[in-house]
């Protein structure tokens, strides 16, 4: 029997699934997890396409979303917008 590695990103297709995946990363309260999630979603959409929409060189975007860098919030907003993800605040009282 031959097996292949399971990659959950192969199964994220719809905007709702993308949103759910991103929300899970955001709920973690770890900025690195949010950046990595955006990076996976950008790769899924096509990093060149997302980079072009953001006005950021592709190589720079890969680095910014690697989790090893600390990109500006403007970059995060641009990438989220290019992916069709809206950020919302919700008070938990």
Foldseek 3Di string as FASTA:
>chain_A
DDDDDDDCLVVQDDPVSLQVQLVVQVVVVDPLSNLLSLLSLCVSVPLVQLCVQLVHPSVVSNVCSVSPDPDDVSSVVSSCVSSVHDDDDDDDD
